[in-house]
């Protein structure tokens, strides 16, 4: 059985956080079980965009700092890397507080740039991932617990999509993003192409609603840790009150027979009943209701059952970030307007995820509006 450790932690005070972090790792064997002196350890936080810690968009710098200190205390060298969705690595690290945190703890910032091909299992036989990620002796995954408009939840598995560098993200979205099941499979294959040793989840200040970039911070007050990222996500989703049938990654992992998808087969260090979010997390507006429908109905009713992104005229500045990030090139700009081609749009929500002004709204079809009213 997979073991998932949980610790309550109400804030990011370093003394409290250090104490809870040590307690979190103790049932797993402590940090010394995962790193040895002289090893090169890569920490992979969520560095989606250059937002301050209180926005809950990125992994909190206090957690990154303290994990860096723990790993260095075990005699290992620490690197911290990612490939942000919005902006340069240097700018995001600066704005999020990660640069100061890592440098003060004696770590080294490593922007993901060079890539190398690595074999995968299943649909995607070869993946191009960051060389720094593949070459590290040990990987410690440091995701932020957030809702996600395409995958419902971004946590342990989804955080590793950051090992895909730059424009290659859009290419993979175009290849797999038309199907949530296919994209979920891609995420799993990335996660297991180069397995991580340990995942530590920042669930102290999480995000609900239209995550991963435009949602609302939500106090959960928890740290989670485990070795299997699928099991970590199963527990994280349960704590957030997200129904299992709305989790494409967990559904695909279950279909493939991967361990960690069944809560009753996961060993826990604390009683979940006292930790579940009340009320449950608000889910993204962009979720559709077409799961389980026959293929011909999905195609026929696609525009009525799946929301479509559209610009808010009062907020959109026509900066072009969404157009440039759109994998199927479904967005066009004129001097006065932004247009989304509903036939080309694959509903990956990259435009909403990456918009610097949160100006991409949700446009819902008539049938979807009716179903929501009935519900």
Protein backbone atom coordinates (compact mmCIF):
# COMPACT_ATOMS: atom_id res chain seq x y z
CA UNK A 1 0.00 0.00 0.00
CA UNK A 2 1.11 3.55 -0.73
CA UNK A 3 1.83 5.63 2.37
CA UNK A 4 0.72 9.28 2.37
CA UNK A 5 1.75 11.50 5.26
CA UNK A 6 -0.36 14.49 6.33
CA UNK A 7 0.31 17.40 8.65
CA UNK A 8 -1.83 20.35 9.58
CA UNK A 9 -0.08 23.71 9.15
CA UNK A 10 -1.97 27.01 9.35
CA UNK A 11 0.60 29.31 7.75
CA UNK A 12 4.07 29.89 6.39
CA UNK A 13 5.89 31.03 9.53
CA UNK A 14 9.28 29.40 9.02
CA UNK A 15 9.65 28.02 12.54
CA UNK A 16 6.22 26.39 12.45
CA UNK A 17 6.65 25.21 8.87
CA UNK A 18 10.06 23.66 9.60
CA UNK A 19 8.63 21.77 12.56
CA UNK A 20 5.65 20.48 10.56
CA UNK A 21 7.80 19.60 7.55
CA UNK A 22 10.11 17.43 9.65
CA UNK A 23 7.08 15.77 11.26
CA UNK A 24 5.55 15.25 7.80
CA UNK A 25 8.60 13.39 6.51
CA UNK A 26 9.25 11.33 9.66
CA UNK A 27 6.74 8.52 8.84
CA UNK A 28 8.32 8.24 5.39
CA UNK A 29 11.80 7.80 6.85
CA UNK A 30 12.91 11.44 6.95
CA UNK A 31 14.71 13.36 4.25
CA UNK A 32 17.76 11.10 4.67
CA UNK A 33 15.79 8.20 3.20
CA UNK A 34 15.49 10.03 -0.11
CA UNK A 35 18.82 11.84 -0.49
CA UNK A 36 22.41 10.94 0.26
CA UNK A 37 25.54 13.08 0.66
CA UNK A 38 27.02 14.23 -2.62
CA UNK A 39 23.88 13.72 -4.71
CA UNK A 40 22.46 16.37 -7.06
CA UNK A 41 18.83 16.91 -6.03
CA UNK A 42 16.36 18.84 -8.20
CA UNK A 43 13.34 20.48 -6.58
CA UNK A 44 10.44 20.99 -9.01
CA UNK A 45 8.01 23.61 -7.64
CA UNK A 46 5.02 25.07 -9.47
CA UNK A 47 6.27 28.29 -11.09
CA UNK A 48 3.39 28.94 -13.46
CA UNK A 49 3.58 32.74 -13.44
CA UNK A 50 5.20 35.67 -11.71
CA UNK A 51 2.62 36.16 -8.99
CA UNK A 52 3.17 36.96 -5.29
CA UNK A 53 2.88 34.07 -2.80
CA UNK A 54 -0.47 35.28 -1.46
CA UNK A 55 -2.05 34.72 -4.90
CA UNK A 56 -1.57 30.94 -4.40
CA UNK A 57 -0.49 30.52 -8.03
CA UNK A 58 3.00 29.20 -7.22
CA UNK A 59 4.52 26.97 -4.58
CA UNK A 60 5.19 29.14 -1.55
CA UNK A 61 8.83 30.29 -1.30
CA UNK A 62 8.98 29.44 2.42
CA UNK A 63 8.34 25.76 1.63
CA UNK A 64 10.91 25.76 -1.17
CA UNK A 65 13.46 27.39 1.13
CA UNK A 66 12.96 24.91 3.97
CA UNK A 67 13.07 21.85 1.71
CA UNK A 68 16.29 23.25 0.22
CA UNK A 69 17.74 23.58 3.72
CA UNK A 70 16.70 20.04 4.67
CA UNK A 71 18.24 18.53 1.54
CA UNK A 72 21.46 20.49 1.95
CA UNK A 73 21.53 19.46 5.60
CA UNK A 74 21.57 15.86 4.39
CA UNK A 75 24.73 16.64 2.42
CA UNK A 76 23.24 16.97 -1.07
CA UNK A 77 23.49 19.72 -3.68
CA UNK A 78 20.18 21.47 -4.45
CA UNK A 79 18.89 22.81 -7.76
CA UNK A 80 15.45 24.36 -8.26
CA UNK A 81 14.03 24.34 -11.78
CA UNK A 82 10.90 24.71 -13.90
CA UNK A 83 9.64 25.97 -17.26
CA UNK A 84 6.98 28.61 -16.46
CA UNK A 85 3.84 28.97 -18.54
CA UNK A 86 3.96 32.79 -18.47
CA UNK A 87 7.16 34.83 -18.66
CA UNK A 88 10.81 33.94 -18.25
CA UNK A 89 12.04 31.68 -15.48
CA UNK A 90 14.13 34.52 -14.04
CA UNK A 91 11.18 36.91 -13.87
CA UNK A 92 8.81 34.35 -12.39
CA UNK A 93 11.39 33.27 -9.78
CA UNK A 94 11.88 36.92 -8.80
CA UNK A 95 8.19 37.90 -8.64
CA UNK A 96 7.13 34.76 -6.75
CA UNK A 97 9.85 35.12 -4.11
CA UNK A 98 11.47 31.84 -5.14
CA UNK A 99 14.78 33.39 -6.19
CA UNK A 100 15.37 35.02 -2.81
CA UNK A 101 14.25 31.88 -0.96
CA UNK A 102 16.52 29.52 -2.90
CA UNK A 103 19.58 31.75 -2.80
CA UNK A 104 19.21 32.39 0.93
CA UNK A 105 19.09 28.62 1.53
CA UNK A 106 22.19 27.93 -0.58
CA UNK A 107 20.43 26.36 -3.57
CA UNK A 108 20.91 27.02 -7.27
CA UNK A 109 18.23 28.16 -9.73
CA UNK A 110 18.17 26.12 -12.96
CA UNK A 111 15.90 27.35 -15.77
CA UNK A 112 14.77 24.45 -17.95
CA UNK A 113 16.15 25.04 -21.44
CA UNK A 114 17.92 22.11 -23.02
CA UNK A 115 15.90 18.94 -23.58
CA UNK A 116 16.58 15.29 -24.24
CA UNK A 117 14.44 12.47 -25.55
CA UNK A 118 13.40 9.82 -23.06
CA UNK A 119 11.39 6.64 -23.56
CA UNK A 120 7.85 6.49 -22.20
CA UNK A 121 5.18 3.81 -21.88
CA UNK A 122 1.78 3.67 -23.53
CA UNK A 123 0.71 6.10 -26.25
CA UNK A 124 3.71 8.43 -26.23
CA UNK A 125 6.81 6.34 -26.92
CA UNK A 126 9.25 9.26 -26.75
CA UNK A 127 9.06 12.48 -24.76
CA UNK A 128 11.29 15.56 -24.88
CA UNK A 129 11.90 16.63 -21.28
CA UNK A 130 14.28 19.08 -19.59
CA UNK A 131 17.83 17.74 -19.48
CA UNK A 132 18.40 19.14 -15.98
CA UNK A 133 15.40 17.17 -14.77
CA UNK A 134 16.54 13.93 -16.41
CA UNK A 135 20.15 14.26 -15.23
CA UNK A 136 19.47 14.94 -11.54
CA UNK A 137 20.22 12.11 -9.12
CA UNK A 138 17.00 12.72 -7.19
CA UNK A 139 13.78 14.60 -7.98
CA UNK A 140 11.59 16.10 -5.26
CA UNK A 141 8.25 17.33 -6.58
CA UNK A 142 6.83 20.43 -4.83
CA UNK A 143 3.37 21.12 -6.32
CA UNK A 144 0.74 23.61 -5.24
CA UNK A 145 -2.73 22.17 -4.65
CA UNK A 146 -5.03 23.99 -7.09
CA UNK A 147 -8.10 23.45 -9.21
CA UNK A 148 -7.51 23.30 -12.98
CA UNK A 149 -9.94 24.17 -15.76
CA UNK A 150 -8.89 21.28 -17.99
CA UNK A 151 -7.81 18.57 -15.52
CA UNK A 152 -10.01 19.67 -12.55
CA UNK A 153 -7.00 19.31 -10.22
CA UNK A 154 -3.36 20.24 -10.60
CA UNK A 155 -1.15 18.73 -7.96
CA UNK A 156 1.53 16.03 -8.04
CA UNK A 157 1.12 14.54 -11.53
CA UNK A 158 0.17 17.72 -13.39
CA UNK A 159 3.04 19.69 -11.83
CA UNK A 160 5.51 17.54 -13.77
CA UNK A 161 4.19 18.94 -17.06
CA UNK A 162 6.59 21.79 -16.27
CA UNK A 163 9.43 19.50 -17.36
CA UNK A 164 8.21 20.03 -20.94
CA UNK A 165 10.08 23.12 -22.09
CA UNK A 166 8.70 26.28 -23.66
CA UNK A 167 6.76 26.02 -26.91
CA UNK A 168 6.76 22.21 -26.73
CA UNK A 169 3.92 22.52 -24.19
CA UNK A 170 1.66 24.00 -26.87
CA UNK A 171 2.68 21.25 -29.28
CA UNK A 172 1.69 18.52 -26.84
CA UNK A 173 -1.57 20.32 -26.06
CA UNK A 174 -2.33 20.33 -29.77
CA UNK A 175 -1.48 16.62 -30.04
CA UNK A 176 -3.37 15.44 -26.96
CA UNK A 177 -5.49 18.35 -25.73
CA UNK A 178 -8.58 17.53 -27.81
CA UNK A 179 -9.22 14.62 -25.42
CA UNK A 180 -9.02 14.85 -21.66
CA UNK A 181 -8.39 11.13 -21.48
CA UNK A 182 -5.48 11.34 -23.92
CA UNK A 183 -4.00 14.37 -22.17
CA UNK A 184 -4.35 12.65 -18.79
CA UNK A 185 -2.44 9.69 -20.24
CA UNK A 186 0.27 12.06 -21.45
CA UNK A 187 0.62 13.52 -17.96
CA UNK A 188 0.97 10.05 -16.44
CA UNK A 189 3.59 9.06 -19.00
CA UNK A 190 5.60 12.20 -18.22
CA UNK A 191 5.32 11.49 -14.50
CA UNK A 192 6.63 7.96 -14.81
CA UNK A 193 9.17 8.49 -17.63
CA UNK A 194 11.50 9.85 -14.96
CA UNK A 195 9.96 8.93 -11.58
CA UNK A 196 10.24 11.35 -8.69
CA UNK A 197 11.55 10.16 -5.34
CA UNK A 198 9.22 12.24 -3.19
CA UNK A 199 6.30 14.66 -3.52
CA UNK A 200 5.61 17.34 -0.93
CA UNK A 201 2.38 19.27 -1.55
CA UNK A 202 1.86 22.88 -0.57
CA UNK A 203 -1.76 22.68 0.54
CA UNK A 204 -1.55 25.37 3.20
CA UNK A 205 -2.94 28.13 0.99
CA UNK A 206 -4.50 26.30 -1.96
CA UNK A 207 -6.63 27.53 -4.88
CA UNK A 208 -10.26 26.88 -5.84
CA UNK A 209 -12.44 28.06 -8.69
CA UNK A 210 -10.89 28.94 -12.04
CA UNK A 211 -7.40 27.62 -11.36
CA UNK A 212 -4.56 27.29 -11.99
CA UNK A 213 -3.99 31.03 -12.54
CA UNK A 214 -7.33 32.83 -12.15
CA UNK A 215 -8.84 31.07 -9.15
CA UNK A 216 -9.37 32.19 -5.58
CA UNK A 217 -6.94 31.41 -2.73
CA UNK A 218 -8.47 28.94 -0.29
CA UNK A 219 -7.05 28.17 3.13
CA UNK A 220 -6.74 24.41 3.55
CA UNK A 221 -3.95 24.35 6.13
CA UNK A 222 -2.33 21.07 5.09
CA UNK A 223 0.93 19.54 3.93
CA UNK A 224 0.92 16.17 2.14
CA UNK A 225 3.84 13.93 1.21
CA UNK A 226 4.30 10.57 -0.46
CA UNK A 227 6.30 8.63 -3.02
CA UNK A 228 3.57 7.81 -5.55
CA UNK A 229 2.25 11.00 -7.21
CA UNK A 230 -0.99 9.28 -8.23
CA UNK A 231 -1.75 8.36 -4.61
CA UNK A 232 -0.84 11.89 -3.50
CA UNK A 233 -3.35 13.31 -5.98
CA UNK A 234 -6.05 10.85 -4.88
CA UNK A 235 -5.74 12.05 -1.30
CA UNK A 236 -5.44 15.72 -2.29
CA UNK A 237 -8.62 15.53 -4.38
CA UNK A 238 -10.52 13.84 -1.55
CA UNK A 239 -9.41 16.54 0.89
CA UNK A 240 -10.60 19.23 -1.54
CA UNK A 241 -13.96 17.48 -1.89
CA UNK A 242 -13.56 16.88 -5.64
CA UNK A 243 -15.59 13.90 -6.93
CA UNK A 244 -13.47 11.09 -8.34
CA UNK A 245 -15.40 11.00 -11.64
CA UNK A 246 -14.24 14.57 -12.39
CA UNK A 247 -10.53 13.65 -12.22
CA UNK A 248 -9.26 12.65 -15.68
CA UNK A 249 -5.80 11.71 -14.42
CA UNK A 250 -7.12 9.41 -11.72
CA UNK A 251 -9.62 7.83 -14.10
CA UNK A 252 -6.90 7.17 -16.66
CA UNK A 253 -4.53 5.82 -14.01
CA UNK A 254 -7.27 3.45 -12.87
CA UNK A 255 -7.91 2.33 -16.45
CA UNK A 256 -4.22 1.56 -16.86
CA UNK A 257 -4.12 -0.41 -13.62
CA UNK A 258 -1.70 1.97 -11.89
CA UNK A 259 -1.56 1.89 -8.08
CA UNK A 260 -2.73 4.80 -5.96
CA UNK A 261 -6.23 5.44 -7.30
CA UNK A 262 -8.21 3.71 -4.55
CA UNK A 263 -8.41 5.59 -1.26
CA UNK A 264 -9.02 2.40 0.74
CA UNK A 265 -5.71 1.00 -0.55
CA UNK A 266 -3.69 4.01 0.64
CA UNK A 267 -2.18 4.06 4.13
CA UNK A 268 -2.58 7.44 5.85
CA UNK A 269 -0.84 8.94 8.85
CA UNK A 270 -3.91 10.92 9.95
CA UNK A 271 -7.69 10.67 9.93
CA UNK A 272 -9.01 12.39 6.79
CA UNK A 273 -12.37 13.09 8.41
CA UNK A 274 -10.85 15.97 10.38
CA UNK A 275 -9.09 17.48 7.36
CA UNK A 276 -11.63 17.51 4.52
CA UNK A 277 -12.46 20.98 3.20
CA UNK A 278 -15.89 22.23 4.27
CA UNK A 279 -17.48 23.36 2.05
CA UNK A 280 -15.83 21.49 -0.84
CA UNK A 281 -13.61 23.46 -3.20
CA UNK A 282 -15.43 25.52 -5.82
CA UNK A 283 -14.76 23.89 -9.19
CA UNK A 284 -13.74 25.66 -12.40
CA UNK A 285 -16.45 27.11 -14.62
CA UNK A 286 -14.74 25.59 -17.67
CA UNK A 287 -15.52 21.98 -16.81
CA UNK A 288 -17.79 20.26 -19.33
CA UNK A 289 -20.44 17.59 -18.78
CA UNK A 290 -19.78 15.28 -21.71
CA UNK A 291 -17.87 12.49 -19.96
CA UNK A 292 -19.35 9.10 -20.70
CA UNK A 293 -21.31 10.20 -23.78
CA UNK A 294 -20.89 8.20 -27.00
CA UNK A 295 -18.38 9.67 -29.42
CA UNK A 296 -20.97 10.70 -32.03
CA UNK A 297 -22.96 12.64 -29.39
CA UNK A 298 -19.84 14.38 -28.11
CA UNK A 299 -19.11 15.59 -31.63
CA UNK A 300 -22.71 16.59 -32.32
CA UNK A 301 -23.24 18.46 -29.04
CA UNK A 302 -19.69 19.69 -28.47
CA UNK A 303 -20.43 23.41 -28.65
CA UNK A 304 -23.52 23.05 -26.47
CA UNK A 305 -21.96 20.88 -23.75
CA UNK A 306 -18.51 22.47 -23.53
CA UNK A 307 -17.85 26.11 -22.64
CA UNK A 308 -15.82 28.31 -24.97
CA UNK A 309 -13.34 31.01 -23.99
CA UNK A 310 -14.09 34.59 -24.94
CA UNK A 311 -12.55 37.98 -24.15
CA UNK A 312 -14.03 40.37 -21.61
CA UNK A 313 -14.08 43.68 -23.51
CA UNK A 314 -13.54 45.77 -20.42
CA UNK A 315 -10.46 43.82 -19.34
CA UNK A 316 -8.84 42.53 -22.53
CA UNK A 317 -6.03 44.75 -23.85
CA UNK A 318 -5.49 42.67 -27.03
CA UNK A 319 -1.93 41.95 -25.90
CA UNK A 320 -1.78 38.72 -27.93
CA UNK A 321 -0.54 36.40 -25.17
CA UNK A 322 -3.55 34.09 -25.59
CA UNK A 323 -3.23 34.08 -29.39
CA UNK A 324 0.45 33.18 -29.23
CA UNK A 325 -0.15 30.45 -26.64
CA UNK A 326 -3.16 28.83 -28.36
CA UNK A 327 -2.07 25.34 -29.54
CA UNK A 328 -4.55 25.05 -32.46
CA UNK A 329 -4.24 28.77 -33.41
CA UNK A 330 -7.95 29.27 -32.77
CA UNK A 331 -7.59 32.90 -31.63
CA UNK A 332 -7.29 35.87 -33.95
CA UNK A 333 -6.90 39.56 -33.12
CA UNK A 334 -7.92 42.71 -34.93
CA UNK A 335 -7.43 46.28 -33.80
CA UNK A 336 -10.70 46.20 -31.90
CA UNK A 337 -11.60 42.60 -31.09
CA UNK A 338 -10.51 39.10 -30.18
CA UNK A 339 -12.23 36.16 -31.84
CA UNK A 340 -12.20 32.45 -30.91
CA UNK A 341 -12.91 29.91 -33.63
CA UNK A 342 -15.20 27.38 -31.89
CA UNK A 343 -14.45 24.73 -34.51
CA UNK A 344 -10.68 24.89 -33.95
CA UNK A 345 -10.72 25.46 -30.17
CA UNK A 346 -9.80 22.28 -28.26
CA UNK A 347 -10.88 23.67 -24.85
CA UNK A 348 -7.42 23.27 -23.30
CA UNK A 349 -7.92 26.66 -21.58
CA UNK A 350 -4.29 27.68 -22.12
CA UNK A 351 -5.63 31.14 -23.03
CA UNK A 352 -7.30 31.55 -19.64
CA UNK A 353 -4.41 29.95 -17.81
CA UNK A 354 -1.84 32.30 -19.35
CA UNK A 355 -3.78 35.57 -19.71
CA UNK A 356 -1.91 38.16 -17.60
CA UNK A 357 -5.10 40.16 -16.94
CA UNK A 358 -7.51 37.24 -16.34
CA UNK A 359 -9.54 38.68 -19.22
CA UNK A 360 -10.65 35.45 -20.90
CA UNK A 361 -14.19 34.62 -19.79
CA UNK A 362 -16.31 31.49 -20.06
CA UNK A 363 -18.99 31.36 -22.76
CA UNK A 364 -21.48 28.54 -22.15
CA UNK A 365 -23.73 26.90 -24.70
CA UNK A 366 -27.51 26.97 -24.27
CA UNK A 367 -27.77 23.27 -23.38
CA UNK A 368 -25.03 23.51 -20.77
CA UNK A 369 -26.75 26.54 -19.21
CA UNK A 370 -30.02 24.59 -19.08
CA UNK A 371 -28.36 21.55 -17.46
CA UNK A 372 -26.76 23.77 -14.84
CA UNK A 373 -30.12 25.36 -14.02
CA UNK A 374 -31.73 21.93 -13.67
CA UNK A 375 -28.89 20.75 -11.46
